[in-house]
């Protein structure tokens, strides 16, 4: 069992505060107060807020990879894995209603600030895009796998933004159901295509 260090607690608290308050509006003092350590101890671990931001992004990338690996091991079918991505909005609906999507809000804020870490933060979206593209390819949509991945990412971001704007959890649930229905139609169309190709191959062999 790993022992959580002071540095781990700083990164965890900063992650939460960047999400809830925004990166620009979170100060060193806010993070130090949340961790309940002295400023001297704080500066021993991080000299600037940008250093903390980089550590937060690294932690988010690591936790996202771990989550995607867990979905891979738990769900045998690619449609079930994609459904796990969609249902993530239900799991986090209370936070999404208050603060929006943690990835979208951070990337959006850093883009407005033209921050040097913007490209690194965007890797979070790229991680999801690449993973979803692979699942749609496995589902039988190789030709349009990336387009489908981007569509699902865009829709989930739109839902998070509007749910936060209107503070509406019911909207999240409705949209998640529609996304699951859309995924079902994608699965069925892939199955029909595979069946038609198999039938065509059988006719050729005859």
C-alpha atoms as a PDB file:
ATOM      1  CA  UNK A   1       0.000   0.000   0.000  1.00  0.00           C
ATOM      2  CA  UNK A   2       1.481   3.365  -1.044  1.00  0.00           C
ATOM      3  CA  UNK A   3       1.991   6.133   1.494  1.00  0.00           C
ATOM      4  CA  UNK A   4       0.616   9.505   0.408  1.00  0.00           C
ATOM      5  CA  UNK A   5       3.217  12.239   0.684  1.00  0.00           C
ATOM      6  CA  UNK A   6       2.793  15.955   1.399  1.00  0.00           C
ATOM      7  CA  UNK A   7       3.443  16.559  -2.282  1.00  0.00           C
ATOM      8  CA  UNK A   8       0.588  14.191  -3.181  1.00  0.00           C
ATOM      9  CA  UNK A   9      -1.762  16.117  -0.888  1.00  0.00           C
ATOM     10  CA  UNK A  10      -0.703  19.440  -2.438  1.00  0.00           C
ATOM     11  CA  UNK A  11      -1.374  18.163  -5.962  1.00  0.00           C
ATOM     12  CA  UNK A  12      -4.703  16.630  -4.936  1.00  0.00           C
ATOM     13  CA  UNK A  13      -5.871  19.848  -3.251  1.00  0.00           C
ATOM     14  CA  UNK A  14      -4.654  21.996  -6.138  1.00  0.00           C
ATOM     15  CA  UNK A  15      -6.472  19.758  -8.603  1.00  0.00           C
ATOM     16  CA  UNK A  16      -9.721  20.196  -6.705  1.00  0.00           C
ATOM     17  CA  UNK A  17      -9.296  23.962  -6.345  1.00  0.00           C
ATOM     18  CA  UNK A  18      -8.326  24.485  -9.995  1.00  0.00           C
ATOM     19  CA  UNK A  19     -11.522  22.643 -10.919  1.00  0.00           C
ATOM     20  CA  UNK A  20     -13.810  24.452  -8.489  1.00  0.00           C
ATOM     21  CA  UNK A  21     -12.324  27.959  -8.587  1.00  0.00           C
ATOM     22  CA  UNK A  22     -10.291  27.984 -11.790  1.00  0.00           C
ATOM     23  CA  UNK A  23      -6.532  28.030 -12.166  1.00  0.00           C
ATOM     24  CA  UNK A  24      -6.217  31.817 -12.354  1.00  0.00           C
ATOM     25  CA  UNK A  25      -8.349  32.424  -9.253  1.00  0.00           C
ATOM     26  CA  UNK A  26      -6.553  29.874  -7.067  1.00  0.00           C
ATOM     27  CA  UNK A  27      -3.630  31.256  -5.088  1.00  0.00           C
ATOM     28  CA  UNK A  28      -0.691  29.640  -3.323  1.00  0.00           C
ATOM     29  CA  UNK A  29      -2.386  30.555  -0.049  1.00  0.00           C
ATOM     30  CA  UNK A  30      -5.609  28.802  -1.063  1.00  0.00           C
ATOM     31  CA  UNK A  31      -3.729  25.564  -1.726  1.00  0.00           C
ATOM     32  CA  UNK A  32      -1.538  25.851   1.400  1.00  0.00           C
ATOM     33  CA  UNK A  33      -4.618  26.481   3.551  1.00  0.00           C
ATOM     34  CA  UNK A  34      -6.390  23.466   2.039  1.00  0.00           C
ATOM     35  CA  UNK A  35      -3.409  21.207   2.770  1.00  0.00           C
ATOM     36  CA  UNK A  36      -2.817  22.898   6.143  1.00  0.00           C
ATOM     37  CA  UNK A  37       0.925  23.305   5.832  1.00  0.00           C
ATOM     38  CA  UNK A  38       3.226  26.279   6.298  1.00  0.00           C
ATOM     39  CA  UNK A  39       4.298  28.394   3.357  1.00  0.00           C
ATOM     40  CA  UNK A  40       7.895  27.287   3.942  1.00  0.00           C
ATOM     41  CA  UNK A  41       6.939  23.608   3.676  1.00  0.00           C
ATOM     42  CA  UNK A  42       4.835  24.421   0.638  1.00  0.00           C
ATOM     43  CA  UNK A  43       7.722  26.131  -1.201  1.00  0.00           C
ATOM     44  CA  UNK A  44       9.948  23.162  -0.448  1.00  0.00           C
ATOM     45  CA  UNK A  45       7.799  21.122  -2.844  1.00  0.00           C
ATOM     46  CA  UNK A  46       6.742  23.751  -5.404  1.00  0.00           C
ATOM     47  CA  UNK A  47       8.293  27.110  -6.241  1.00  0.00           C
ATOM     48  CA  UNK A  48       5.598  28.370  -8.630  1.00  0.00           C
ATOM     49  CA  UNK A  49       1.926  27.785  -9.362  1.00  0.00           C
ATOM     50  CA  UNK A  50       2.876  26.696 -12.878  1.00  0.00           C
ATOM     51  CA  UNK A  51       4.883  23.845 -11.356  1.00  0.00           C
ATOM     52  CA  UNK A  52       1.780  22.763  -9.450  1.00  0.00           C
ATOM     53  CA  UNK A  53      -0.294  22.979 -12.635  1.00  0.00           C
ATOM     54  CA  UNK A  54       2.138  20.696 -14.461  1.00  0.00           C
ATOM     55  CA  UNK A  55       1.945  18.212 -11.576  1.00  0.00           C
ATOM     56  CA  UNK A  56      -1.871  18.361 -11.622  1.00  0.00           C
ATOM     57  CA  UNK A  57      -1.976  17.673 -15.369  1.00  0.00           C
ATOM     58  CA  UNK A  58       0.452  14.751 -14.952  1.00  0.00           C
ATOM     59  CA  UNK A  59      -1.715  13.342 -12.151  1.00  0.00           C
ATOM     60  CA  UNK A  60      -4.861  13.671 -14.246  1.00  0.00           C
ATOM     61  CA  UNK A  61      -3.210  11.942 -17.201  1.00  0.00           C
ATOM     62  CA  UNK A  62      -2.066   9.085 -14.964  1.00  0.00           C
ATOM     63  CA  UNK A  63      -5.492   8.646 -13.339  1.00  0.00           C
ATOM     64  CA  UNK A  64      -7.233   8.798 -16.728  1.00  0.00           C
ATOM     65  CA  UNK A  65      -4.940   6.111 -18.161  1.00  0.00           C
ATOM     66  CA  UNK A  66      -5.642   3.957 -15.122  1.00  0.00           C
ATOM     67  CA  UNK A  67      -9.402   4.427 -15.544  1.00  0.00           C
ATOM     68  CA  UNK A  68      -9.272   3.515 -19.241  1.00  0.00           C
ATOM     69  CA  UNK A  69      -7.192   0.427 -18.458  1.00  0.00           C
ATOM     70  CA  UNK A  70      -9.757  -0.586 -15.856  1.00  0.00           C
ATOM     71  CA  UNK A  71     -12.590  -0.268 -18.375  1.00  0.00           C
ATOM     72  CA  UNK A  72     -10.550  -2.389 -20.790  1.00  0.00           C
ATOM     73  CA  UNK A  73     -10.142  -5.148 -18.194  1.00  0.00           C
ATOM     74  CA  UNK A  74     -13.727  -5.042 -16.889  1.00  0.00           C
ATOM     75  CA  UNK A  75     -15.662  -4.808 -20.166  1.00  0.00           C
ATOM     76  CA  UNK A  76     -15.122  -7.403 -22.885  1.00  0.00           C
ATOM     77  CA  UNK A  77     -17.135  -5.682 -25.620  1.00  0.00           C
ATOM     78  CA  UNK A  78     -16.059  -2.290 -27.049  1.00  0.00           C
ATOM     79  CA  UNK A  79     -19.651  -1.009 -26.845  1.00  0.00           C
ATOM     80  CA  UNK A  80     -19.650  -1.661 -23.094  1.00  0.00           C
ATOM     81  CA  UNK A  81     -16.363   0.235 -22.758  1.00  0.00           C
ATOM     82  CA  UNK A  82     -17.760   3.213 -24.652  1.00  0.00           C
ATOM     83  CA  UNK A  83     -20.850   3.040 -22.459  1.00  0.00           C
ATOM     84  CA  UNK A  84     -18.579   3.318 -19.415  1.00  0.00           C
ATOM     85  CA  UNK A  85     -17.247   6.580 -20.856  1.00  0.00           C
ATOM     86  CA  UNK A  86     -20.789   7.882 -21.346  1.00  0.00           C
ATOM     87  CA  UNK A  87     -21.911   6.828 -17.861  1.00  0.00           C
ATOM     88  CA  UNK A  88     -18.993   8.759 -16.371  1.00  0.00           C
ATOM     89  CA  UNK A  89     -21.277  11.792 -16.677  1.00  0.00           C
ATOM     90  CA  UNK A  90     -23.824  10.146 -14.387  1.00  0.00           C
ATOM     91  CA  UNK A  91     -21.173   9.216 -11.831  1.00  0.00           C
ATOM     92  CA  UNK A  92     -19.884  12.807 -11.743  1.00  0.00           C
ATOM     93  CA  UNK A  93     -23.180  14.600 -12.372  1.00  0.00           C
ATOM     94  CA  UNK A  94     -23.203  16.585  -9.103  1.00  0.00           C
ATOM     95  CA  UNK A  95     -19.769  18.095  -9.803  1.00  0.00           C
ATOM     96  CA  UNK A  96     -20.559  18.612 -13.492  1.00  0.00           C
ATOM     97  CA  UNK A  97     -23.718  20.512 -12.564  1.00  0.00           C
ATOM     98  CA  UNK A  98     -21.713  22.886 -10.351  1.00  0.00           C
ATOM     99  CA  UNK A  99     -18.406  23.213 -12.158  1.00  0.00           C
ATOM    100  CA  UNK A 100     -18.679  21.688 -15.636  1.00  0.00           C
ATOM    101  CA  UNK A 101     -16.238  19.121 -17.048  1.00  0.00           C
ATOM    102  CA  UNK A 102     -12.842  19.148 -15.291  1.00  0.00           C
ATOM    103  CA  UNK A 103     -11.000  18.585 -18.573  1.00  0.00           C
ATOM    104  CA  UNK A 104     -13.012  21.068 -20.616  1.00  0.00           C
ATOM    105  CA  UNK A 105     -12.913  23.835 -18.026  1.00  0.00           C
ATOM    106  CA  UNK A 106      -9.145  23.560 -17.542  1.00  0.00           C
ATOM    107  CA  UNK A 107      -8.340  23.412 -21.260  1.00  0.00           C
ATOM    108  CA  UNK A 108     -10.697  26.316 -21.952  1.00  0.00           C
ATOM    109  CA  UNK A 109      -9.191  28.488 -19.235  1.00  0.00           C
ATOM    110  CA  UNK A 110      -5.603  27.782 -20.274  1.00  0.00           C
ATOM    111  CA  UNK A 111      -6.499  28.556 -23.895  1.00  0.00           C
ATOM    112  CA  UNK A 112      -7.898  31.955 -22.867  1.00  0.00           C
ATOM    113  CA  UNK A 113      -4.754  32.662 -20.862  1.00  0.00           C
ATOM    114  CA  UNK A 114      -2.564  31.456 -23.749  1.00  0.00           C
ATOM    115  CA  UNK A 115      -0.782  29.463 -21.076  1.00  0.00           C
ATOM    116  CA  UNK A 116       2.350  27.468 -21.850  1.00  0.00           C
ATOM    117  CA  UNK A 117       0.764  24.323 -20.367  1.00  0.00           C
ATOM    118  CA  UNK A 118      -2.238  24.425 -22.700  1.00  0.00           C
ATOM    119  CA  UNK A 119      -0.815  21.812 -25.077  1.00  0.00           C
ATOM    120  CA  UNK A 120      -0.029  19.488 -22.184  1.00  0.00           C
ATOM    121  CA  UNK A 121      -3.563  19.829 -20.795  1.00  0.00           C
ATOM    122  CA  UNK A 122      -4.997  19.087 -24.247  1.00  0.00           C
ATOM    123  CA  UNK A 123      -3.360  15.663 -24.008  1.00  0.00           C
ATOM    124  CA  UNK A 124      -6.261  14.714 -21.711  1.00  0.00           C
ATOM    125  CA  UNK A 125      -8.691  15.144 -24.598  1.00  0.00           C
ATOM    126  CA  UNK A 126      -6.275  13.375 -26.956  1.00  0.00           C
ATOM    127  CA  UNK A 127      -6.125  10.442 -24.543  1.00  0.00           C
ATOM    128  CA  UNK A 128      -9.909  10.056 -24.620  1.00  0.00           C
ATOM    129  CA  UNK A 129     -10.030  10.620 -28.382  1.00  0.00           C
ATOM    130  CA  UNK A 130      -7.427   7.948 -29.095  1.00  0.00           C
ATOM    131  CA  UNK A 131      -9.067   5.462 -26.728  1.00  0.00           C
ATOM    132  CA  UNK A 132     -12.574   6.045 -28.122  1.00  0.00           C
ATOM    133  CA  UNK A 133     -11.265   5.793 -31.691  1.00  0.00           C
ATOM    134  CA  UNK A 134      -9.821   2.377 -30.886  1.00  0.00           C
ATOM    135  CA  UNK A 135     -13.121   1.215 -29.377  1.00  0.00           C
ATOM    136  CA  UNK A 136     -15.139   2.340 -32.389  1.00  0.00           C
ATOM    137  CA  UNK A 137     -12.611   0.584 -34.658  1.00  0.00           C
ATOM    138  CA  UNK A 138     -13.075  -2.632 -32.668  1.00  0.00           C
ATOM    139  CA  UNK A 139     -16.820  -2.096 -32.934  1.00  0.00           C
ATOM    140  CA  UNK A 140     -16.543  -2.268 -36.732  1.00  0.00           C
ATOM    141  CA  UNK A 141     -16.438   1.429 -37.635  1.00  0.00           C
ATOM    142  CA  UNK A 142     -12.834   1.617 -38.764  1.00  0.00           C
ATOM    143  CA  UNK A 143     -13.487   4.105 -41.590  1.00  0.00           C
ATOM    144  CA  UNK A 144     -15.208   6.688 -39.375  1.00  0.00           C
ATOM    145  CA  UNK A 145     -13.861   5.730 -35.940  1.00  0.00           C
ATOM    146  CA  UNK A 146     -12.169   9.079 -35.333  1.00  0.00           C
ATOM    147  CA  UNK A 147     -15.224  11.056 -36.437  1.00  0.00           C
ATOM    148  CA  UNK A 148     -17.419   9.046 -34.070  1.00  0.00           C
ATOM    149  CA  UNK A 149     -14.927   9.534 -31.221  1.00  0.00           C
ATOM    150  CA  UNK A 150     -14.873  13.295 -31.791  1.00  0.00           C
ATOM    151  CA  UNK A 151     -18.671  13.412 -32.028  1.00  0.00           C
ATOM    152  CA  UNK A 152     -19.054  11.692 -28.669  1.00  0.00           C
ATOM    153  CA  UNK A 153     -16.409  13.919 -27.065  1.00  0.00           C
ATOM    154  CA  UNK A 154     -18.080  17.039 -28.463  1.00  0.00           C
ATOM    155  CA  UNK A 155     -21.510  15.980 -27.301  1.00  0.00           C
ATOM    156  CA  UNK A 156     -20.337  15.130 -23.788  1.00  0.00           C
ATOM    157  CA  UNK A 157     -18.611  18.529 -23.552  1.00  0.00           C
ATOM    158  CA  UNK A 158     -21.739  20.303 -24.722  1.00  0.00           C
ATOM    159  CA  UNK A 159     -23.853  18.453 -22.178  1.00  0.00           C
ATOM    160  CA  UNK A 160     -21.427  19.331 -19.376  1.00  0.00           C
ATOM    161  CA  UNK A 161     -21.387  23.006 -20.348  1.00  0.00           C
ATOM    162  CA  UNK A 162     -25.176  23.347 -20.526  1.00  0.00           C
ATOM    163  CA  UNK A 163     -25.783  21.268 -17.400  1.00  0.00           C
ATOM    164  CA  UNK A 164     -23.446  23.580 -15.494  1.00  0.00           C
ATOM    165  CA  UNK A 165     -25.010  26.710 -16.995  1.00  0.00           C
ATOM    166  CA  UNK A 166     -28.535  25.624 -16.053  1.00  0.00           C
ATOM    167  CA  UNK A 167     -27.593  23.581 -12.946  1.00  0.00           C
ATOM    168  CA  UNK A 168     -29.643  20.705 -14.331  1.00  0.00           C
ATOM    169  CA  UNK A 169     -28.863  17.090 -13.390  1.00  0.00           C
ATOM    170  CA  UNK A 170     -32.014  15.857 -15.119  1.00  0.00           C
ATOM    171  CA  UNK A 171     -30.630  17.177 -18.410  1.00  0.00           C
ATOM    172  CA  UNK A 172     -27.477  15.108 -17.892  1.00  0.00           C
ATOM    173  CA  UNK A 173     -29.508  11.936 -17.351  1.00  0.00           C
ATOM    174  CA  UNK A 174     -31.639  12.589 -20.440  1.00  0.00           C
ATOM    175  CA  UNK A 175     -28.615  13.228 -22.637  1.00  0.00           C
ATOM    176  CA  UNK A 176     -26.766  10.185 -21.315  1.00  0.00           C
ATOM    177  CA  UNK A 177     -29.751   8.034 -22.277  1.00  0.00           C
ATOM    178  CA  UNK A 178     -29.762   9.549 -25.769  1.00  0.00           C
ATOM    179  CA  UNK A 179     -26.035   8.958 -26.146  1.00  0.00           C
ATOM    180  CA  UNK A 180     -26.543   5.327 -25.114  1.00  0.00           C
ATOM    181  CA  UNK A 181     -29.337   5.006 -27.699  1.00  0.00           C
ATOM    182  CA  UNK A 182     -27.009   6.495 -30.322  1.00  0.00           C
ATOM    183  CA  UNK A 183     -24.287   4.019 -29.347  1.00  0.00           C
ATOM    184  CA  UNK A 184     -26.780   1.160 -29.694  1.00  0.00           C
ATOM    185  CA  UNK A 185     -27.600   2.273 -33.246  1.00  0.00           C
ATOM    186  CA  UNK A 186     -23.868   2.446 -34.047  1.00  0.00           C
ATOM    187  CA  UNK A 187     -23.436  -1.089 -32.705  1.00  0.00           C
ATOM    188  CA  UNK A 188     -26.389  -2.396 -34.703  1.00  0.00           C
ATOM    189  CA  UNK A 189     -25.242  -0.730 -37.940  1.00  0.00           C
ATOM    190  CA  UNK A 190     -21.768  -2.237 -37.516  1.00  0.00           C
ATOM    191  CA  UNK A 191     -23.319  -5.676 -36.968  1.00  0.00           C
ATOM    192  CA  UNK A 192     -25.500  -5.305 -40.091  1.00  0.00           C
ATOM    193  CA  UNK A 193     -22.499  -4.230 -42.147  1.00  0.00           C
ATOM    194  CA  UNK A 194     -20.477  -7.211 -40.929  1.00  0.00           C
ATOM    195  CA  UNK A 195     -23.394  -9.536 -41.731  1.00  0.00           C
ATOM    196  CA  UNK A 196     -23.788  -8.100 -45.244  1.00  0.00           C
ATOM    197  CA  UNK A 197     -20.059  -8.454 -45.923  1.00  0.00           C
ATOM    198  CA  UNK A 198     -20.125 -12.039 -44.678  1.00  0.00           C
ATOM    199  CA  UNK A 199     -23.089 -12.766 -46.965  1.00  0.00           C
ATOM    200  CA  UNK A 200     -21.291 -11.231 -49.930  1.00  0.00           C
ATOM    201  CA  UNK A 201     -18.197 -13.352 -49.224  1.00  0.00           C
ATOM    202  CA  UNK A 202     -20.345 -16.481 -49.050  1.00  0.00           C
ATOM    203  CA  UNK A 203     -21.937 -15.673 -52.432  1.00  0.00           C
ATOM    204  CA  UNK A 204     -18.515 -15.137 -54.010  1.00  0.00           C
ATOM    205  CA  UNK A 205     -17.261 -18.492 -52.715  1.00  0.00           C
ATOM    206  CA  UNK A 206     -20.260 -20.223 -54.230  1.00  0.00           C
END
